[in-house]
Amino acid sequence: MSDLAVASESAITVQHKQAALDAVLHSHTFARADQLKSFLKFVCEMELAGRGHELTEYLIGVEALGRSPNYSPGDDSAVRNRAFALRKKLQEYYEHEQPDFPLRIELTKGSYCPHFVEHHSSDPPLPQPVPAVSAKEELLVSSVAPDVLPEVAAPPAPVIFTRTQVYTAFLSGVILTALCAGVLYVLVRPKLMAGSSQAVIAPILTAAWGPILAPNADVLMCVANPPSLAVHDQVQIFNNDPTVHRAAPDLENWIKPRFRTASGNDLFLSITTNSTYWGDSLGAMATLKILSYAGLTAHILPEKVTTVSTLRRRNVILFGAPEYSPAITHFLEKCPLSVSYLRGIVSQEDASSRPLRYAIKRDQQFHATEVYGLITVLPSESSTGDQHRTVIFSGVNSAGAQAAAEFFSSPENLLELQKHLKKEGYDHFPPAYQVVVKADPDDNLLLSFKYETHRVISAPTGH
């Protein structure tokens, strides 16, 4: 009789659970996900101690993610985001790295208490406890740079998409964009009880956002619309649609192996400007939540229907990157820091004055492992004093833009920024400044972010 059979006849022991946890924590899949490991370790140890029923979003935020005791889950969605990422990471681990592991850890939706579930296969071995690592050894390992100990991963299995899957994916993208638009529309019409907003808005948020969170503020939010190419098979083109064009031979040869379309059919392309990047949309949702808590409504528009002149003399929040946002290009061209996908966040100042460059870092499979967001705060153009404000959330990719928006929506992170500003003699948030945020993504899913550096803009030209 196998060890697993013995375990099946009796209750799963604490030793089995601990071995399952140790295997996940020391896996290649979780090698770079320190916050997810901290999250999983904390909730599993609470369950092993018989205290799983005590797990709350607040407790995880403080004990596992290092949030301060005055952390507010309503103002900071870090725990919910990490729980989503942890479920995805556990699924990846059990599907690719340990598909036959006999005892799996599951974190079901709607609960933070983990479940240990037996996975039956052909007489698998019992999970063996991973040798304990001393605190000194753990410190030495964690202090080594990632490029010194590269992650060794098995080559990914080839993914073959059928023609139906390609069309389904395209249609899903359209539906997802429409769904995001619907969610955003609902969020911009908050139904708050009178006077309740003052009880939930942290003072640091009011200080940082300034006139944008003032009573009865009129806020305009614009999400940039990057141009996108949709791929069509010849059989899907009807009535000689003039908006669809035949793909050039070299581009067609590049597309077909990646999408596995029918090789006998010609490919056609059409341009759409109705889409948004996922991180930009999530950043807009995080910002709308802050406005909702303040009892404010906002007008949210795709940038393609706005012009720079419509952004003057009003409170404005922009989401996107200069490469697909003319408005953001206009505002950042006179700022000390700018951003692009290829170059990263770069300093536009004289090279002798603290040159800076933060670009995307990738692993051997070309997956982004480190990205950066850029927060830009400016007085709105043509406004008197600090009557109106323009805030821009951008990044080297959309995950960076999301990190910038979530950083500026988090009281804990704003308090840290305030400390850095006070070191330079600023008792209040200056009227114009930029902040670089470092973020760790997993396949463009934001895992964690933190303050990296900032620049105070003494006299923004043209504002």
Protein backbone atom coordinates (compact mmCIF):
# COMPACT_ATOMS: atom_id res chain seq x y z
CA MET A 1 0.00 0.00 0.00
CA SER A 2 1.38 3.36 -0.99
CA ASP A 3 1.99 6.23 1.40
CA LEU A 4 -0.73 8.20 -0.39
CA ALA A 5 -3.22 5.42 0.20
CA VAL A 6 -2.42 5.58 3.90
CA ALA A 7 -2.96 9.31 3.82
CA SER A 8 -6.30 8.80 2.05
CA GLU A 9 -7.57 6.45 4.73
CA SER A 10 -6.81 8.90 7.48
CA ALA A 11 -6.92 12.65 7.75
CA ILE A 12 -4.24 14.58 5.90
CA THR A 13 -1.57 15.27 8.48
CA VAL A 14 0.06 18.54 9.35
CA GLN A 15 3.34 17.09 8.06
CA HIS A 16 1.77 16.44 4.64
CA LYS A 17 0.44 20.00 4.50
CA GLN A 18 3.78 21.46 5.54
CA ALA A 19 5.57 19.41 2.87
CA ALA A 20 3.12 20.65 0.22
CA LEU A 21 3.72 24.24 1.33
CA ASP A 22 7.51 23.85 1.37
CA ALA A 23 7.47 22.40 -2.14
CA VAL A 24 5.60 25.45 -3.48
CA LEU A 25 7.76 27.97 -1.63
CA HIS A 26 10.97 26.43 -3.03
CA SER A 27 9.70 25.94 -6.58
CA HIS A 28 10.99 27.58 -9.77
CA THR A 29 7.49 28.94 -10.44
CA PHE A 30 7.56 31.05 -7.26
CA ALA A 31 11.29 31.88 -7.38
CA ARG A 32 10.73 35.58 -8.14
CA ALA A 33 7.35 36.03 -6.41
CA ASP A 34 8.44 37.03 -2.90
CA GLN A 35 5.19 38.74 -1.95
CA LEU A 36 3.11 35.81 -3.16
CA LYS A 37 5.28 33.42 -1.14
CA SER A 38 4.85 35.61 1.95
CA PHE A 39 1.08 35.66 1.36
CA LEU A 40 0.87 31.88 0.89
CA LYS A 41 3.16 31.09 3.82
CA PHE A 42 1.13 33.26 6.20
CA VAL A 43 -2.32 31.93 5.26
CA CYS A 44 -1.12 28.30 5.25
CA GLU A 45 0.55 28.63 8.65
CA MET A 46 -2.65 30.15 10.03
CA GLU A 47 -4.60 27.17 8.64
CA LEU A 48 -2.07 24.69 10.07
CA ALA A 49 -2.48 26.35 13.47
CA GLY A 50 -6.26 25.92 13.24
CA ARG A 51 -6.80 29.67 12.84
CA GLY A 52 -7.81 29.78 9.19
CA HIS A 53 -11.21 31.18 10.14
CA GLU A 54 -9.47 34.29 11.52
CA LEU A 55 -7.97 35.29 8.17
CA THR A 56 -9.14 38.68 6.92
CA GLU A 57 -8.02 41.06 4.23
CA TYR A 58 -6.73 43.49 6.87
CA LEU A 59 -4.75 40.82 8.75
CA ILE A 60 -3.07 39.57 5.56
CA GLY A 61 -2.25 43.12 4.50
CA VAL A 62 -0.53 43.93 7.79
CA GLU A 63 1.09 40.59 8.64
CA ALA A 64 1.99 39.20 5.19
CA LEU A 65 2.36 42.26 2.96
CA GLY A 66 3.86 44.65 5.51
CA ARG A 67 1.12 47.27 5.44
CA SER A 68 0.98 49.72 8.36
CA PRO A 69 -1.52 49.20 11.23
CA ASN A 70 -3.71 52.02 9.83
CA TYR A 71 -3.98 50.13 6.53
CA SER A 72 -7.46 50.39 5.00
CA PRO A 73 -8.54 47.56 2.64
CA GLY A 74 -11.06 49.94 1.12
CA ASP A 75 -8.31 52.34 0.03
CA ASP A 76 -5.71 49.72 -0.93
CA SER A 77 -6.62 46.66 -3.02
CA ALA A 78 -3.20 45.01 -2.62
CA VAL A 79 -4.51 41.90 -0.84
CA ARG A 80 -7.24 41.25 -3.40
CA ASN A 81 -4.77 41.72 -6.26
CA ARG A 82 -2.22 39.38 -4.68
CA ALA A 83 -4.90 36.75 -3.96
CA PHE A 84 -5.86 36.76 -7.64
CA ALA A 85 -2.20 36.51 -8.67
CA LEU A 86 -1.58 33.71 -6.15
CA ARG A 87 -4.44 31.60 -7.55
CA LYS A 88 -3.00 32.05 -11.03
CA LYS A 89 0.52 31.17 -9.86
CA LEU A 90 -0.62 28.04 -8.01
CA GLN A 91 -2.47 26.89 -11.12
CA GLU A 92 0.69 27.42 -13.18
CA TYR A 93 2.79 25.47 -10.64
CA TYR A 94 0.51 22.43 -10.58
CA GLU A 95 -0.09 22.42 -14.33
CA HIS A 96 3.52 22.79 -15.49
CA GLU A 97 6.07 22.17 -12.72
CA GLN A 98 4.38 19.55 -10.51
CA PRO A 99 1.36 18.10 -12.34
CA ASP A 100 1.48 14.83 -10.32
CA PHE A 101 2.02 16.29 -6.87
CA PRO A 102 -0.27 14.30 -4.53
CA LEU A 103 -1.38 17.16 -2.28
CA ARG A 104 -2.34 20.52 -3.72
CA ILE A 105 -2.98 23.89 -2.12
CA GLU A 106 -6.06 25.74 -3.34
CA LEU A 107 -7.21 29.27 -2.55
CA THR A 108 -10.84 29.41 -3.54
CA LYS A 109 -12.51 32.64 -4.58
CA GLY A 110 -14.30 34.46 -1.79
CA SER A 111 -12.02 33.08 0.93
CA TYR A 112 -8.47 33.66 2.12
CA CYS A 113 -8.27 30.31 3.96
CA PRO A 114 -6.30 27.75 1.89
CA HIS A 115 -7.54 24.20 1.28
CA PHE A 116 -5.31 21.15 0.95
CA VAL A 117 -6.75 18.79 -1.67
CA GLU A 118 -5.48 15.32 -2.61
CA HIS A 119 -4.60 14.83 -6.27
CA HIS A 120 -4.83 11.18 -7.33
CA SER A 121 -2.40 9.82 -9.91
CA SER A 122 -0.54 6.55 -10.55
CA ASP A 123 1.03 5.82 -7.18
CA PRO A 124 2.81 9.16 -6.69
CA PRO A 125 5.32 9.62 -3.91
CA LEU A 126 4.38 11.42 -0.76
CA PRO A 127 5.57 15.04 -0.73
CA GLN A 128 8.89 15.11 1.09
CA PRO A 129 9.67 18.07 3.34
CA VAL A 130 12.20 20.46 1.86
CA PRO A 131 15.31 20.77 4.04
CA ALA A 132 15.09 23.72 6.37
CA VAL A 133 17.11 26.79 5.46
CA SER A 134 18.66 28.81 8.22
CA ALA A 135 17.95 32.52 8.51
CA LYS A 136 21.56 33.26 7.56
CA GLU A 137 21.39 31.04 4.45
CA GLU A 138 18.06 32.57 3.45
CA LEU A 139 19.52 36.05 3.80
CA LEU A 140 22.50 35.10 1.64
CA VAL A 141 20.28 33.62 -1.07
CA SER A 142 17.87 36.57 -1.12
CA SER A 143 20.73 39.04 -1.36
CA VAL A 144 22.13 37.56 -4.59
CA ALA A 145 21.12 39.47 -7.73
CA PRO A 146 18.68 37.64 -10.06
CA ASP A 147 21.20 37.60 -12.90
CA VAL A 148 23.71 35.72 -10.70
CA LEU A 149 21.27 32.89 -10.04
CA PRO A 150 19.12 32.78 -13.19
CA GLU A 151 15.88 30.89 -13.10
CA VAL A 152 16.16 27.64 -15.07
CA ALA A 153 12.85 26.81 -16.64
CA ALA A 154 11.86 24.05 -19.00
CA PRO A 155 11.22 25.27 -22.54
CA PRO A 156 7.53 26.10 -22.94
CA ALA A 157 5.43 23.68 -24.89
CA PRO A 158 4.42 24.99 -28.30
CA VAL A 159 0.98 26.57 -28.31
CA ILE A 160 -1.08 25.91 -31.40
CA PHE A 161 -4.08 28.10 -32.06
CA THR A 162 -6.83 26.96 -34.39
CA ARG A 163 -8.58 29.44 -36.62
CA THR A 164 -11.65 29.27 -34.39
CA GLN A 165 -9.52 30.07 -31.34
CA VAL A 166 -8.04 33.10 -33.09
CA TYR A 167 -11.48 34.47 -33.91
CA THR A 168 -12.70 33.65 -30.42
CA ALA A 169 -9.73 35.46 -28.86
CA PHE A 170 -10.36 38.53 -31.02
CA LEU A 171 -14.06 38.56 -30.12
CA SER A 172 -13.15 38.07 -26.44
CA GLY A 173 -10.93 41.15 -26.64
CA VAL A 174 -13.81 43.20 -28.00
CA ILE A 175 -16.12 41.92 -25.29
CA LEU A 176 -13.49 42.55 -22.60
CA THR A 177 -13.08 46.16 -23.74
CA ALA A 178 -16.84 46.64 -23.69
CA LEU A 179 -17.05 45.05 -20.23
CA CYS A 180 -14.34 47.38 -18.89
CA ALA A 181 -16.21 50.34 -20.32
CA GLY A 182 -19.38 49.15 -18.61
CA VAL A 183 -17.64 48.71 -15.26
CA LEU A 184 -16.08 52.15 -15.53
CA TYR A 185 -19.47 53.67 -16.36
CA VAL A 186 -20.99 52.14 -13.25
CA LEU A 187 -18.12 53.32 -11.07
CA VAL A 188 -18.38 56.95 -12.18
CA ARG A 189 -21.88 57.15 -10.71
CA PRO A 190 -21.33 56.28 -7.05
CA LYS A 191 -24.29 56.06 -4.74
CA LEU A 192 -22.90 57.23 -1.44
CA MET A 193 -24.77 58.26 1.63
CA ALA A 194 -24.55 61.96 2.38
CA GLY A 195 -21.55 62.82 4.53
CA SER A 196 -20.07 59.30 4.34
CA SER A 197 -17.13 60.32 2.12
CA GLN A 198 -15.41 62.26 4.87
CA ALA A 199 -15.17 59.09 6.95
CA VAL A 200 -13.30 57.00 4.37
CA ILE A 201 -10.93 59.41 2.61
CA ALA A 202 -7.51 59.46 4.28
CA PRO A 203 -6.11 63.00 4.80
CA ILE A 204 -2.95 62.09 2.87
CA LEU A 205 -5.09 61.37 -0.21
CA THR A 206 -6.72 64.79 0.03
CA ALA A 207 -3.31 66.44 0.42
CA ALA A 208 -1.78 64.64 -2.58
CA TRP A 209 -4.71 64.87 -4.97
CA GLY A 210 -5.46 68.50 -4.07
CA PRO A 211 -8.20 70.20 -6.10
CA ILE A 212 -9.14 66.93 -7.80
CA LEU A 213 -10.72 65.75 -4.52
CA ALA A 214 -12.17 69.14 -3.59
CA PRO A 215 -15.94 69.22 -2.92
CA ASN A 216 -17.93 69.43 -6.16
CA ALA A 217 -14.77 69.06 -8.25
CA ASP A 218 -15.40 68.55 -11.94
CA VAL A 219 -12.99 65.83 -13.06
CA LEU A 220 -12.29 64.67 -16.61
CA MET A 221 -10.59 61.28 -17.06
CA CYS A 222 -9.10 60.25 -20.41
CA VAL A 223 -7.84 56.76 -21.22
CA ALA A 224 -5.52 56.62 -24.23
CA ASN A 225 -6.46 54.54 -27.27
CA PRO A 226 -3.49 52.73 -28.82
CA PRO A 227 -4.02 51.78 -32.46
CA SER A 228 -4.33 48.02 -32.85
CA LEU A 229 -4.28 45.65 -35.82
CA ALA A 230 -6.93 42.93 -36.05
CA VAL A 231 -6.02 39.86 -38.12
CA HIS A 232 -8.64 38.36 -40.44
CA ASP A 233 -8.65 35.28 -42.59
CA GLN A 234 -9.73 35.76 -46.19
CA VAL A 235 -12.89 33.73 -45.65
CA GLN A 236 -14.07 36.29 -43.09
CA ILE A 237 -13.87 39.29 -45.43
CA PHE A 238 -17.21 40.17 -46.92
CA ASN A 239 -18.34 42.72 -49.52
CA ASN A 240 -14.79 43.96 -50.17
CA ASP A 241 -14.68 45.95 -46.92
CA PRO A 242 -12.57 49.08 -47.69
CA THR A 243 -11.29 49.33 -44.10
CA VAL A 244 -9.53 45.96 -44.40
CA HIS A 245 -6.25 45.58 -46.28
CA ARG A 246 -4.17 42.64 -47.45
CA ALA A 247 -1.16 41.93 -45.23
CA ALA A 248 2.21 42.38 -46.89
CA PRO A 249 3.95 39.04 -47.64
CA ASP A 250 6.71 39.50 -45.04
CA LEU A 251 4.17 40.46 -42.36
CA GLU A 252 1.91 37.57 -43.35
CA ASN A 253 4.83 35.16 -43.02
CA TRP A 254 5.54 36.56 -39.55
CA ILE A 255 1.91 36.28 -38.38
CA LYS A 256 0.98 32.82 -39.63
CA PRO A 257 3.45 30.75 -37.54
CA ARG A 258 2.34 32.58 -34.41
CA PHE A 259 -1.40 32.24 -34.90
CA ARG A 260 -1.44 29.00 -36.90
CA THR A 261 -4.02 30.30 -39.33
CA ALA A 262 -4.93 28.29 -42.39
CA SER A 263 -1.80 28.46 -44.50
CA GLY A 264 -3.76 28.35 -47.74
CA ASN A 265 -5.68 31.56 -47.00
CA ASP A 266 -4.53 35.13 -47.35
CA LEU A 267 -4.44 37.34 -44.26
CA PHE A 268 -6.00 40.78 -44.00
CA LEU A 269 -5.56 43.51 -41.40
CA SER A 270 -7.84 46.22 -40.07
CA ILE A 271 -6.98 49.09 -37.72
CA THR A 272 -9.01 49.85 -34.61
CA THR A 273 -8.63 52.83 -32.26
CA ASN A 274 -11.36 51.78 -29.85
CA SER A 275 -9.21 49.61 -27.61
CA THR A 276 -7.39 50.31 -24.35
CA TYR A 277 -4.57 48.44 -22.67
CA TRP A 278 -5.54 46.32 -19.67
CA GLY A 279 -3.23 48.06 -17.19
CA ASP A 280 -4.48 51.50 -18.25
CA SER A 281 -8.07 50.36 -17.66
CA LEU A 282 -7.27 48.89 -14.22
CA GLY A 283 -5.45 52.09 -13.29
CA ALA A 284 -8.55 54.08 -14.26
CA MET A 285 -10.71 51.81 -12.10
CA ALA A 286 -8.43 52.32 -9.07
CA THR A 287 -8.65 56.09 -9.55
CA LEU A 288 -12.41 56.05 -9.96
CA LYS A 289 -12.69 54.24 -6.64
CA ILE A 290 -10.90 57.13 -4.90
CA LEU A 291 -13.23 59.64 -6.54
CA SER A 292 -16.18 57.51 -5.50
CA TYR A 293 -15.06 57.49 -1.87
CA ALA A 294 -14.84 61.28 -2.04
CA GLY A 295 -18.43 61.45 -3.24
CA LEU A 296 -17.39 62.76 -6.67
CA THR A 297 -18.40 61.83 -10.18
CA ALA A 298 -16.15 62.01 -13.21
CA HIS A 299 -16.52 62.32 -16.94
CA ILE A 300 -14.55 59.50 -18.55
CA LEU A 301 -13.77 59.63 -22.24
CA PRO A 302 -11.51 57.89 -24.72
CA GLU A 303 -8.69 60.25 -25.54
CA LYS A 304 -9.40 60.06 -29.27
CA VAL A 305 -12.49 62.26 -28.81
CA THR A 306 -10.64 64.94 -26.81
CA THR A 307 -8.06 67.60 -27.65
CA VAL A 308 -5.43 69.34 -25.54
CA SER A 309 -7.52 72.52 -25.56
CA THR A 310 -10.41 70.70 -23.84
CA LEU A 311 -8.06 69.79 -20.96
CA ARG A 312 -7.28 73.36 -19.96
CA ARG A 313 -8.68 75.08 -16.87
CA ARG A 314 -10.09 71.88 -15.38
CA ASN A 315 -9.11 68.87 -13.27
CA VAL A 316 -7.73 66.16 -15.55
CA ILE A 317 -6.47 62.59 -15.07
CA LEU A 318 -4.76 60.89 -18.01
CA PHE A 319 -3.83 57.22 -18.48
CA GLY A 320 -1.42 55.86 -21.08
CA ALA A 321 1.99 56.31 -22.67
CA PRO A 322 3.22 59.16 -24.89
CA GLU A 323 3.67 56.84 -27.86
CA TYR A 324 -0.11 56.46 -28.19
CA SER A 325 -1.31 59.57 -26.33
CA PRO A 326 -0.87 62.99 -27.96
CA ALA A 327 -2.08 64.71 -24.78
CA ILE A 328 0.47 62.96 -22.57
CA THR A 329 3.19 63.70 -25.12
CA HIS A 330 2.23 67.39 -24.92
CA PHE A 331 2.44 67.52 -21.12
CA LEU A 332 5.61 65.45 -20.68
CA GLU A 333 7.73 67.16 -23.33
CA LYS A 334 8.61 69.97 -20.89
CA CYS A 335 9.01 67.75 -17.80
CA PRO A 336 12.34 66.38 -16.50
CA LEU A 337 11.24 62.76 -16.97
CA SER A 338 9.65 61.11 -19.97
CA VAL A 339 8.80 57.52 -20.83
CA SER A 340 8.70 55.19 -23.82
CA TYR A 341 8.37 51.45 -24.36
CA LEU A 342 11.82 51.03 -25.94
CA ARG A 343 13.88 53.49 -23.89
CA GLY A 344 12.07 53.23 -20.55
CA ILE A 345 11.79 56.20 -18.18
CA VAL A 346 14.56 58.61 -19.06
CA SER A 347 15.81 61.95 -17.82
CA GLN A 348 15.47 64.84 -20.25
CA GLU A 349 17.72 66.98 -18.08
CA ASP A 350 21.37 67.76 -18.77
CA ALA A 351 23.50 64.60 -18.58
CA SER A 352 25.50 66.12 -15.72
CA SER A 353 22.40 66.47 -13.57
CA ARG A 354 21.55 63.04 -12.16
CA PRO A 355 21.02 61.08 -15.40
CA LEU A 356 18.37 58.43 -15.06
CA ARG A 357 17.04 55.50 -17.06
CA TYR A 358 14.64 52.77 -16.01
CA ALA A 359 13.80 50.21 -18.70
CA ILE A 360 11.90 46.93 -18.79
CA LYS A 361 13.88 43.93 -17.54
CA ARG A 362 13.10 40.51 -19.02
CA ASP A 363 13.94 36.88 -18.32
CA GLN A 364 15.28 34.30 -20.77
CA GLN A 365 11.77 33.71 -22.15
CA PHE A 366 11.47 37.48 -22.75
CA HIS A 367 8.80 37.85 -20.07
CA ALA A 368 8.85 41.19 -18.26
CA THR A 369 10.15 40.74 -14.71
CA GLU A 370 10.59 44.40 -13.76
CA VAL A 371 8.74 47.44 -15.12
CA TYR A 372 8.34 51.08 -14.12
CA GLY A 373 5.47 53.52 -13.81
CA LEU A 374 5.61 57.32 -13.95
CA ILE A 375 3.34 59.68 -12.00
CA THR A 376 3.29 63.28 -13.21
CA VAL A 377 1.47 66.00 -11.25
CA LEU A 378 1.09 69.45 -12.83
CA PRO A 379 -1.07 72.55 -12.46
CA SER A 380 -3.61 72.43 -15.26
CA GLU A 381 -2.86 74.66 -18.22
CA SER A 382 -4.31 78.18 -18.13
CA SER A 383 -5.41 77.75 -14.50
CA THR A 384 -4.72 80.36 -11.83
CA GLY A 385 -2.50 79.10 -9.01
CA ASP A 386 -3.43 75.59 -7.91
CA GLN A 387 -7.08 75.94 -8.89
CA HIS A 388 -7.02 72.87 -11.14
CA ARG A 389 -4.64 69.95 -11.47
CA THR A 390 -3.49 67.50 -14.14
CA VAL A 391 -2.32 64.04 -13.06
CA ILE A 392 -0.80 61.60 -15.55
CA PHE A 393 -0.36 57.86 -14.95
CA SER A 394 2.04 56.41 -17.50
CA GLY A 395 4.62 53.64 -17.69
CA VAL A 396 7.02 51.62 -19.78
CA ASN A 397 4.01 49.34 -20.38
CA SER A 398 0.43 49.26 -19.12
CA ALA A 399 1.40 47.32 -15.98
CA GLY A 400 3.67 50.27 -15.13
CA ALA A 401 0.78 52.69 -15.66
CA GLN A 402 -1.41 50.58 -13.37
CA ALA A 403 1.34 50.57 -10.72
CA ALA A 404 1.55 54.37 -10.93
CA ALA A 405 -2.23 54.75 -10.45
CA GLU A 406 -2.39 52.26 -7.57
CA PHE A 407 0.62 53.87 -5.87
CA PHE A 408 -1.06 57.29 -5.99
CA SER A 409 -4.30 55.74 -4.67
CA SER A 410 -2.60 54.14 -1.64
CA PRO A 411 -2.34 56.14 1.62
CA GLU A 412 0.65 54.04 2.76
CA ASN A 413 2.63 54.75 -0.39
CA LEU A 414 1.73 58.45 -0.37
CA LEU A 415 2.94 58.72 3.23
CA GLU A 416 6.27 57.25 2.14
CA LEU A 417 6.46 59.75 -0.73
CA GLN A 418 5.69 62.56 1.69
CA LYS A 419 8.69 61.52 3.83
CA HIS A 420 11.00 61.71 0.81
CA LEU A 421 9.67 65.17 -0.04
CA LYS A 422 10.14 66.39 3.52
CA LYS A 423 13.81 65.39 3.35
CA GLU A 424 14.14 67.97 0.58
CA GLY A 425 12.40 70.66 2.63
CA TYR A 426 8.85 70.33 1.29
CA ASP A 427 6.28 70.41 4.10
CA HIS A 428 3.47 70.02 1.57
CA PHE A 429 3.11 68.28 -1.76
CA PRO A 430 4.60 70.64 -4.36
CA PRO A 431 2.35 71.82 -7.21
CA ALA A 432 4.45 70.01 -9.83
CA TYR A 433 6.52 66.83 -9.50
CA GLN A 434 7.11 63.36 -10.95
CA VAL A 435 7.48 59.99 -9.22
CA VAL A 436 9.00 56.79 -10.59
CA VAL A 437 7.40 53.57 -9.31
CA LYS A 438 9.13 50.19 -9.61
CA ALA A 439 6.79 47.24 -10.23
CA ASP A 440 7.08 43.46 -10.42
CA PRO A 441 4.66 41.88 -12.93
CA ASP A 442 3.83 38.30 -13.83
CA ASP A 443 2.86 38.10 -17.50
CA ASN A 444 1.77 41.77 -17.26
CA LEU A 445 -0.28 41.01 -14.15
CA LEU A 446 0.82 43.45 -11.45
CA LEU A 447 2.19 41.72 -8.34
CA SER A 448 3.86 44.47 -6.30
CA PHE A 449 5.15 48.01 -6.58
CA LYS A 450 7.16 50.52 -4.55
CA TYR A 451 8.68 54.00 -4.64
CA GLU A 452 11.86 54.34 -6.70
CA THR A 453 12.69 58.06 -7.08
CA HIS A 454 11.12 61.46 -7.77
CA ARG A 455 11.76 64.87 -9.33
CA VAL A 456 10.26 68.17 -8.17
CA ILE A 457 9.46 70.54 -11.03
CA SER A 458 10.21 74.04 -9.75
CA ALA A 459 8.55 76.04 -12.53
CA PRO A 460 6.72 73.97 -15.16
CA THR A 461 6.92 75.92 -18.40
CA GLY A 462 3.63 76.68 -20.09
CA HIS A 463 1.45 75.99 -17.03
